[in-house]
C-alpha atoms as a PDB file:
ATOM      1  CA  UNK A   1      37.970   8.622  19.982  1.00  0.00           C
ATOM      2  CA  UNK A   2      35.500  10.740  17.945  1.00  0.00           C
ATOM      3  CA  UNK A   3      38.230  13.373  17.423  1.00  0.00           C
ATOM      4  CA  UNK A   4      40.606  10.758  16.002  1.00  0.00           C
ATOM      5  CA  UNK A   5      37.972   9.339  13.671  1.00  0.00           C
ATOM      6  CA  UNK A   6      37.012  12.838  12.522  1.00  0.00           C
ATOM      7  CA  UNK A   7      40.666  13.729  11.966  1.00  0.00           C
ATOM      8  CA  UNK A   8      41.223  10.643   9.831  1.00  0.00           C
ATOM      9  CA  UNK A   9      38.074  11.369   7.804  1.00  0.00           C
ATOM     10  CA  UNK A  10      39.232  14.939   7.078  1.00  0.00           C
ATOM     11  CA  UNK A  11      42.875  14.152   6.316  1.00  0.00           C
ATOM     12  CA  UNK A  12      44.444  13.870   2.874  1.00  0.00           C
ATOM     13  CA  UNK A  13      46.576  10.965   4.107  1.00  0.00           C
ATOM     14  CA  UNK A  14      47.490   9.287   7.378  1.00  0.00           C
ATOM     15  CA  UNK A  15      50.926   8.484   8.827  1.00  0.00           C
ATOM     16  CA  UNK A  16      50.956   5.489  11.172  1.00  0.00           C
ATOM     17  CA  UNK A  17      53.954   4.211  13.151  1.00  0.00           C
ATOM     18  CA  UNK A  18      53.675   0.526  14.065  1.00  0.00           C
ATOM     19  CA  UNK A  19      56.967   0.241  15.961  1.00  0.00           C
ATOM     20  CA  UNK A  20      55.013  -0.625  19.100  1.00  0.00           C
ATOM     21  CA  UNK A  21      52.143  -3.041  18.609  1.00  0.00           C
ATOM     22  CA  UNK A  22      49.309  -1.035  20.155  1.00  0.00           C
ATOM     23  CA  UNK A  23      45.702  -1.845  19.253  1.00  0.00           C
ATOM     24  CA  UNK A  24      44.730   1.789  18.715  1.00  0.00           C
ATOM     25  CA  UNK A  25      47.388   2.236  16.019  1.00  0.00           C
ATOM     26  CA  UNK A  26      46.158  -0.821  14.132  1.00  0.00           C
ATOM     27  CA  UNK A  27      42.578   0.418  14.525  1.00  0.00           C
ATOM     28  CA  UNK A  28      43.537   3.800  13.058  1.00  0.00           C
ATOM     29  CA  UNK A  29      45.384   2.135  10.165  1.00  0.00           C
ATOM     30  CA  UNK A  30      42.382  -0.109   9.483  1.00  0.00           C
ATOM     31  CA  UNK A  31      40.017   2.853   9.657  1.00  0.00           C
ATOM     32  CA  UNK A  32      42.161   4.844   7.228  1.00  0.00           C
ATOM     33  CA  UNK A  33      42.273   1.885   4.869  1.00  0.00           C
ATOM     34  CA  UNK A  34      38.523   1.304   5.197  1.00  0.00           C
ATOM     35  CA  UNK A  35      37.863   4.970   4.412  1.00  0.00           C
ATOM     36  CA  UNK A  36      40.154   4.666   1.366  1.00  0.00           C
ATOM     37  CA  UNK A  37      42.591   7.189   2.804  1.00  0.00           C
ATOM     38  CA  UNK A  38      46.147   7.153   1.557  1.00  0.00           C
ATOM     39  CA  UNK A  39      48.418   6.020   4.354  1.00  0.00           C
ATOM     40  CA  UNK A  40      52.109   5.857   5.125  1.00  0.00           C
ATOM     41  CA  UNK A  41      53.255   3.155   7.522  1.00  0.00           C
ATOM     42  CA  UNK A  42      56.525   3.583   9.409  1.00  0.00           C
ATOM     43  CA  UNK A  43      58.375   1.307  11.815  1.00  0.00           C
ATOM     44  CA  UNK A  44      61.671   1.107  13.624  1.00  0.00           C
ATOM     45  CA  UNK A  45      64.146  -0.994  11.628  1.00  0.00           C
ATOM     46  CA  UNK A  46      63.985  -4.080  13.902  1.00  0.00           C
ATOM     47  CA  UNK A  47      60.194  -4.156  14.162  1.00  0.00           C
ATOM     48  CA  UNK A  48      58.598  -7.471  13.231  1.00  0.00           C
ATOM     49  CA  UNK A  49      55.385  -6.614  11.446  1.00  0.00           C
ATOM     50  CA  UNK A  50      52.314  -8.773  12.097  1.00  0.00           C
ATOM     51  CA  UNK A  51      50.987 -10.940   9.282  1.00  0.00           C
ATOM     52  CA  UNK A  52      48.238  -8.520   8.264  1.00  0.00           C
ATOM     53  CA  UNK A  53      50.615  -5.563   7.904  1.00  0.00           C
ATOM     54  CA  UNK A  54      53.837  -7.169   6.663  1.00  0.00           C
ATOM     55  CA  UNK A  55      52.960  -6.685   2.986  1.00  0.00           C
ATOM     56  CA  UNK A  56      52.026  -3.004   3.378  1.00  0.00           C
ATOM     57  CA  UNK A  57      54.821  -0.750   2.047  1.00  0.00           C
ATOM     58  CA  UNK A  58      56.622   0.477   5.162  1.00  0.00           C
ATOM     59  CA  UNK A  59      59.227   3.152   5.772  1.00  0.00           C
ATOM     60  CA  UNK A  60      61.749   1.497   8.103  1.00  0.00           C
ATOM     61  CA  UNK A  61      64.015   3.796  10.083  1.00  0.00           C
ATOM     62  CA  UNK A  62      66.866   3.596  12.594  1.00  0.00           C
ATOM     63  CA  UNK A  63      67.075   7.296  13.449  1.00  0.00           C
ATOM     64  CA  UNK A  64      65.170  10.547  12.997  1.00  0.00           C
ATOM     65  CA  UNK A  65      67.102  11.489   9.863  1.00  0.00           C
ATOM     66  CA  UNK A  66      66.133   8.231   8.131  1.00  0.00           C
ATOM     67  CA  UNK A  67      62.522   8.659   9.220  1.00  0.00           C
ATOM     68  CA  UNK A  68      62.424  12.226   7.897  1.00  0.00           C
ATOM     69  CA  UNK A  69      63.939  11.254   4.540  1.00  0.00           C
ATOM     70  CA  UNK A  70      61.691   8.204   4.200  1.00  0.00           C
ATOM     71  CA  UNK A  71      58.579  10.254   4.938  1.00  0.00           C
ATOM     72  CA  UNK A  72      59.603  12.997   2.515  1.00  0.00           C
ATOM     73  CA  UNK A  73      60.129  10.424  -0.230  1.00  0.00           C
ATOM     74  CA  UNK A  74      56.843   8.607   0.394  1.00  0.00           C
ATOM     75  CA  UNK A  75      54.817  11.833   0.664  1.00  0.00           C
ATOM     76  CA  UNK A  76      56.334  13.124  -2.582  1.00  0.00           C
ATOM     77  CA  UNK A  77      55.305   9.884  -4.305  1.00  0.00           C
ATOM     78  CA  UNK A  78      51.767  10.160  -2.935  1.00  0.00           C
ATOM     79  CA  UNK A  79      51.534  13.769  -4.082  1.00  0.00           C
ATOM     80  CA  UNK A  80      52.811  13.009  -7.592  1.00  0.00           C
ATOM     81  CA  UNK A  81      50.450  10.052  -8.004  1.00  0.00           C
ATOM     82  CA  UNK A  82      47.465  12.111  -6.944  1.00  0.00           C
ATOM     83  CA  UNK A  83      48.216  15.346  -8.758  1.00  0.00           C
ATOM     84  CA  UNK A  84      49.195  17.489  -5.821  1.00  0.00           C
END
């Protein structure tokens, strides 16, 4: 766990996939948010997001190509908004 926390602290942004509702993923998303880290949330297209995540902008995907394109688009937007 210390390695994950340290990795989140040092990262420019965090990518989190919530397709499977696992507590550690939600913990990592909450930690990133609490540390004011930029984050990208992804989920498989049929995923029902829980109430505390459903309003977070999410890249929904049905296949690897859609995921790749969605991530590229979101990361470009993050970079342009933060001068990178």
